[in-house]
């Protein structure tokens, strides 16, 4: 009698079924990783736009005489910022005059501390968990002498 080497049809089908199950699991992990990477990229681009706005407000003069008009308290919509990958972000800014040390309200003339809140959002509506992505930063500026 001749000895036959190889696998039976049942063994081959069972091995193929196991491989298909493993591949489906791996593809699920990869598709989740793509979604997470997209969100992290969007967040990184938003932080880049936010940093550019923060540098703009840090560069403005806040002195007793000759303070830049852009430092006036109020709510502003700034020009859109485009990130390195071409994503466009809307920028809104809220500037608040903080009260004086004795608790009285400050005016533009006697204000010594301003709080600047910068909010950056993607211009195009995002889907899923990125739909409510807001990136914001609050900085405080002390008037120079």
C-alpha atoms as a PDB file:
ATOM      1  CA  UNK A   1       0.000   0.000   0.000  1.00  0.00           C
ATOM      2  CA  UNK A   2       1.248   3.460  -0.927  1.00  0.00           C
ATOM      3  CA  UNK A   3       1.402   6.156   1.834  1.00  0.00           C
ATOM      4  CA  UNK A   4      -0.278   9.363   0.746  1.00  0.00           C
ATOM      5  CA  UNK A   5       0.971  12.708   2.083  1.00  0.00           C
ATOM      6  CA  UNK A   6      -1.084  15.932   2.302  1.00  0.00           C
ATOM      7  CA  UNK A   7      -4.167  17.387   3.886  1.00  0.00           C
ATOM      8  CA  UNK A   8      -7.734  16.222   3.571  1.00  0.00           C
ATOM      9  CA  UNK A   9     -10.434  18.491   2.172  1.00  0.00           C
ATOM     10  CA  UNK A  10     -11.954  18.937   5.647  1.00  0.00           C
ATOM     11  CA  UNK A  11      -8.626  20.091   7.091  1.00  0.00           C
ATOM     12  CA  UNK A  12      -8.125  22.616   4.285  1.00  0.00           C
ATOM     13  CA  UNK A  13     -11.650  24.064   4.689  1.00  0.00           C
ATOM     14  CA  UNK A  14     -11.231  24.290   8.481  1.00  0.00           C
ATOM     15  CA  UNK A  15      -7.858  26.086   8.138  1.00  0.00           C
ATOM     16  CA  UNK A  16      -9.327  28.509   5.578  1.00  0.00           C
ATOM     17  CA  UNK A  17     -12.252  29.290   7.907  1.00  0.00           C
ATOM     18  CA  UNK A  18      -9.883  30.057  10.784  1.00  0.00           C
ATOM     19  CA  UNK A  19      -7.793  32.318   8.547  1.00  0.00           C
ATOM     20  CA  UNK A  20     -10.904  34.218   7.379  1.00  0.00           C
ATOM     21  CA  UNK A  21     -11.994  34.816  10.992  1.00  0.00           C
ATOM     22  CA  UNK A  22      -8.514  36.127  11.891  1.00  0.00           C
ATOM     23  CA  UNK A  23      -8.422  38.428   8.834  1.00  0.00           C
ATOM     24  CA  UNK A  24     -11.838  39.913   9.639  1.00  0.00           C
ATOM     25  CA  UNK A  25     -10.659  40.681  13.193  1.00  0.00           C
ATOM     26  CA  UNK A  26      -7.496  42.309  11.900  1.00  0.00           C
ATOM     27  CA  UNK A  27      -9.392  44.433   9.352  1.00  0.00           C
ATOM     28  CA  UNK A  28     -11.757  45.629  12.098  1.00  0.00           C
ATOM     29  CA  UNK A  29      -8.793  46.826  14.159  1.00  0.00           C
ATOM     30  CA  UNK A  30      -7.296  48.608  11.131  1.00  0.00           C
ATOM     31  CA  UNK A  31     -10.561  50.380  10.281  1.00  0.00           C
ATOM     32  CA  UNK A  32     -10.847  51.596  13.889  1.00  0.00           C
ATOM     33  CA  UNK A  33      -7.235  52.810  13.764  1.00  0.00           C
ATOM     34  CA  UNK A  34      -7.988  54.809  10.604  1.00  0.00           C
ATOM     35  CA  UNK A  35     -10.902  56.575  12.336  1.00  0.00           C
ATOM     36  CA  UNK A  36      -8.801  57.389  15.408  1.00  0.00           C
ATOM     37  CA  UNK A  37      -5.914  58.652  13.263  1.00  0.00           C
ATOM     38  CA  UNK A  38      -8.285  60.907  11.307  1.00  0.00           C
ATOM     39  CA  UNK A  39      -9.542  62.428  14.537  1.00  0.00           C
ATOM     40  CA  UNK A  40      -6.044  62.903  15.911  1.00  0.00           C
ATOM     41  CA  UNK A  41      -4.947  64.558  12.657  1.00  0.00           C
ATOM     42  CA  UNK A  42      -7.933  66.925  12.776  1.00  0.00           C
ATOM     43  CA  UNK A  43      -7.198  67.781  16.407  1.00  0.00           C
ATOM     44  CA  UNK A  44      -3.535  68.396  15.599  1.00  0.00           C
ATOM     45  CA  UNK A  45      -4.411  70.719  12.700  1.00  0.00           C
ATOM     46  CA  UNK A  46      -6.887  72.600  14.930  1.00  0.00           C
ATOM     47  CA  UNK A  47      -4.205  73.069  17.570  1.00  0.00           C
ATOM     48  CA  UNK A  48      -1.881  74.441  14.911  1.00  0.00           C
ATOM     49  CA  UNK A  49      -4.500  77.030  13.902  1.00  0.00           C
ATOM     50  CA  UNK A  50      -5.113  77.801  17.577  1.00  0.00           C
ATOM     51  CA  UNK A  51      -1.400  78.337  18.183  1.00  0.00           C
ATOM     52  CA  UNK A  52      -1.214  80.811  15.288  1.00  0.00           C
ATOM     53  CA  UNK A  53      -4.098  82.839  16.783  1.00  0.00           C
ATOM     54  CA  UNK A  54      -2.542  82.741  20.242  1.00  0.00           C
ATOM     55  CA  UNK A  55       0.721  84.097  18.830  1.00  0.00           C
ATOM     56  CA  UNK A  56      -1.218  86.903  17.153  1.00  0.00           C
ATOM     57  CA  UNK A  57      -2.796  87.982  20.444  1.00  0.00           C
ATOM     58  CA  UNK A  58       0.493  87.655  22.305  1.00  0.00           C
ATOM     59  CA  UNK A  59       2.109  89.994  19.785  1.00  0.00           C
ATOM     60  CA  UNK A  60      -0.415  92.832  20.281  1.00  0.00           C
ATOM     61  CA  UNK A  61       0.507  95.830  22.435  1.00  0.00           C
ATOM     62  CA  UNK A  62      -1.303  96.076  25.778  1.00  0.00           C
ATOM     63  CA  UNK A  63       0.144  99.224  27.364  1.00  0.00           C
ATOM     64  CA  UNK A  64      -1.321 102.258  29.191  1.00  0.00           C
ATOM     65  CA  UNK A  65      -1.070 104.443  26.070  1.00  0.00           C
ATOM     66  CA  UNK A  66      -1.271 102.986  22.566  1.00  0.00           C
ATOM     67  CA  UNK A  67      -2.938  99.605  23.186  1.00  0.00           C
ATOM     68  CA  UNK A  68      -3.853  97.867  19.925  1.00  0.00           C
ATOM     69  CA  UNK A  69      -7.547  98.202  19.040  1.00  0.00           C
ATOM     70  CA  UNK A  70      -7.758  94.406  18.612  1.00  0.00           C
ATOM     71  CA  UNK A  71      -7.348  94.099  22.413  1.00  0.00           C
ATOM     72  CA  UNK A  72     -10.678  95.858  23.103  1.00  0.00           C
ATOM     73  CA  UNK A  73     -13.075  93.718  25.150  1.00  0.00           C
ATOM     74  CA  UNK A  74     -15.779  91.965  23.137  1.00  0.00           C
ATOM     75  CA  UNK A  75     -16.599  88.962  20.981  1.00  0.00           C
ATOM     76  CA  UNK A  76     -14.979  88.754  17.565  1.00  0.00           C
ATOM     77  CA  UNK A  77     -15.007  86.506  14.542  1.00  0.00           C
ATOM     78  CA  UNK A  78     -11.512  86.363  13.142  1.00  0.00           C
ATOM     79  CA  UNK A  79     -10.541  85.443   9.567  1.00  0.00           C
ATOM     80  CA  UNK A  80     -10.552  81.708   8.882  1.00  0.00           C
ATOM     81  CA  UNK A  81      -7.288  79.834   9.330  1.00  0.00           C
ATOM     82  CA  UNK A  82      -6.127  77.151   6.896  1.00  0.00           C
ATOM     83  CA  UNK A  83      -3.955  74.379   8.298  1.00  0.00           C
ATOM     84  CA  UNK A  84      -1.017  72.685   6.594  1.00  0.00           C
ATOM     85  CA  UNK A  85      -3.220  69.933   5.148  1.00  0.00           C
ATOM     86  CA  UNK A  86      -5.749  72.426   3.742  1.00  0.00           C
ATOM     87  CA  UNK A  87      -8.419  72.099   6.450  1.00  0.00           C
ATOM     88  CA  UNK A  88     -10.160  75.431   7.054  1.00  0.00           C
ATOM     89  CA  UNK A  89     -11.051  76.461  10.604  1.00  0.00           C
ATOM     90  CA  UNK A  90     -13.316  79.220  11.871  1.00  0.00           C
ATOM     91  CA  UNK A  91     -11.873  81.306  14.675  1.00  0.00           C
ATOM     92  CA  UNK A  92     -13.835  83.206  17.296  1.00  0.00           C
ATOM     93  CA  UNK A  93     -12.368  85.218  20.142  1.00  0.00           C
ATOM     94  CA  UNK A  94     -13.835  86.525  23.392  1.00  0.00           C
ATOM     95  CA  UNK A  95     -11.824  89.225  25.187  1.00  0.00           C
ATOM     96  CA  UNK A  96     -12.859  90.049  28.740  1.00  0.00           C
ATOM     97  CA  UNK A  97     -11.582  92.826  30.989  1.00  0.00           C
ATOM     98  CA  UNK A  98     -10.933  91.223  34.366  1.00  0.00           C
ATOM     99  CA  UNK A  99     -12.029  93.149  37.491  1.00  0.00           C
ATOM    100  CA  UNK A 100      -9.530  95.287  39.351  1.00  0.00           C
ATOM    101  CA  UNK A 101      -7.924  93.914  42.515  1.00  0.00           C
ATOM    102  CA  UNK A 102     -10.467  95.699  44.718  1.00  0.00           C
ATOM    103  CA  UNK A 103     -13.305  93.938  42.855  1.00  0.00           C
ATOM    104  CA  UNK A 104     -14.572  96.944  40.910  1.00  0.00           C
ATOM    105  CA  UNK A 105     -15.294  96.585  37.208  1.00  0.00           C
ATOM    106  CA  UNK A 106     -12.524  97.682  34.901  1.00  0.00           C
ATOM    107  CA  UNK A 107     -12.860  99.815  31.793  1.00  0.00           C
ATOM    108  CA  UNK A 108     -10.592  99.903  28.763  1.00  0.00           C
ATOM    109  CA  UNK A 109      -8.750 102.876  30.291  1.00  0.00           C
ATOM    110  CA  UNK A 110      -7.905 101.298  33.655  1.00  0.00           C
ATOM    111  CA  UNK A 111      -7.868  97.591  32.763  1.00  0.00           C
ATOM    112  CA  UNK A 112      -4.670  95.808  33.801  1.00  0.00           C
ATOM    113  CA  UNK A 113      -5.639  92.194  33.088  1.00  0.00           C
ATOM    114  CA  UNK A 114      -7.440  90.735  30.069  1.00  0.00           C
ATOM    115  CA  UNK A 115      -8.656  87.199  29.519  1.00  0.00           C
ATOM    116  CA  UNK A 116      -8.626  86.068  25.895  1.00  0.00           C
ATOM    117  CA  UNK A 117     -10.526  82.915  24.929  1.00  0.00           C
ATOM    118  CA  UNK A 118      -9.835  81.591  21.431  1.00  0.00           C
ATOM    119  CA  UNK A 119     -12.140  78.940  19.923  1.00  0.00           C
ATOM    120  CA  UNK A 120     -11.259  77.060  16.730  1.00  0.00           C
ATOM    121  CA  UNK A 121     -13.737  74.801  14.880  1.00  0.00           C
ATOM    122  CA  UNK A 122     -13.548  73.051  11.500  1.00  0.00           C
ATOM    123  CA  UNK A 123     -15.424  75.006   8.819  1.00  0.00           C
ATOM    124  CA  UNK A 124     -16.829  71.841   7.233  1.00  0.00           C
ATOM    125  CA  UNK A 125     -19.187  69.790   9.372  1.00  0.00           C
ATOM    126  CA  UNK A 126     -17.581  66.601  10.641  1.00  0.00           C
ATOM    127  CA  UNK A 127     -19.332  63.294  11.268  1.00  0.00           C
ATOM    128  CA  UNK A 128     -19.390  60.955  14.236  1.00  0.00           C
ATOM    129  CA  UNK A 129     -17.425  61.833  17.317  1.00  0.00           C
ATOM    130  CA  UNK A 130     -15.636  64.680  15.490  1.00  0.00           C
ATOM    131  CA  UNK A 131     -18.938  66.557  15.054  1.00  0.00           C
ATOM    132  CA  UNK A 132     -18.585  68.264  18.431  1.00  0.00           C
ATOM    133  CA  UNK A 133     -14.841  68.881  18.283  1.00  0.00           C
ATOM    134  CA  UNK A 134     -14.009  72.292  19.718  1.00  0.00           C
ATOM    135  CA  UNK A 135     -10.473  73.350  20.366  1.00  0.00           C
ATOM    136  CA  UNK A 136     -10.094  76.324  22.654  1.00  0.00           C
ATOM    137  CA  UNK A 137      -7.447  78.161  24.610  1.00  0.00           C
ATOM    138  CA  UNK A 138      -7.686  80.796  27.303  1.00  0.00           C
ATOM    139  CA  UNK A 139      -4.764  83.145  27.856  1.00  0.00           C
ATOM    140  CA  UNK A 140      -4.384  86.107  30.159  1.00  0.00           C
ATOM    141  CA  UNK A 141      -2.499  89.281  29.317  1.00  0.00           C
ATOM    142  CA  UNK A 142      -1.159  91.681  31.925  1.00  0.00           C
ATOM    143  CA  UNK A 143      -0.751  95.292  30.882  1.00  0.00           C
ATOM    144  CA  UNK A 144       2.854  96.358  30.454  1.00  0.00           C
ATOM    145  CA  UNK A 145       4.045  99.534  32.178  1.00  0.00           C
END
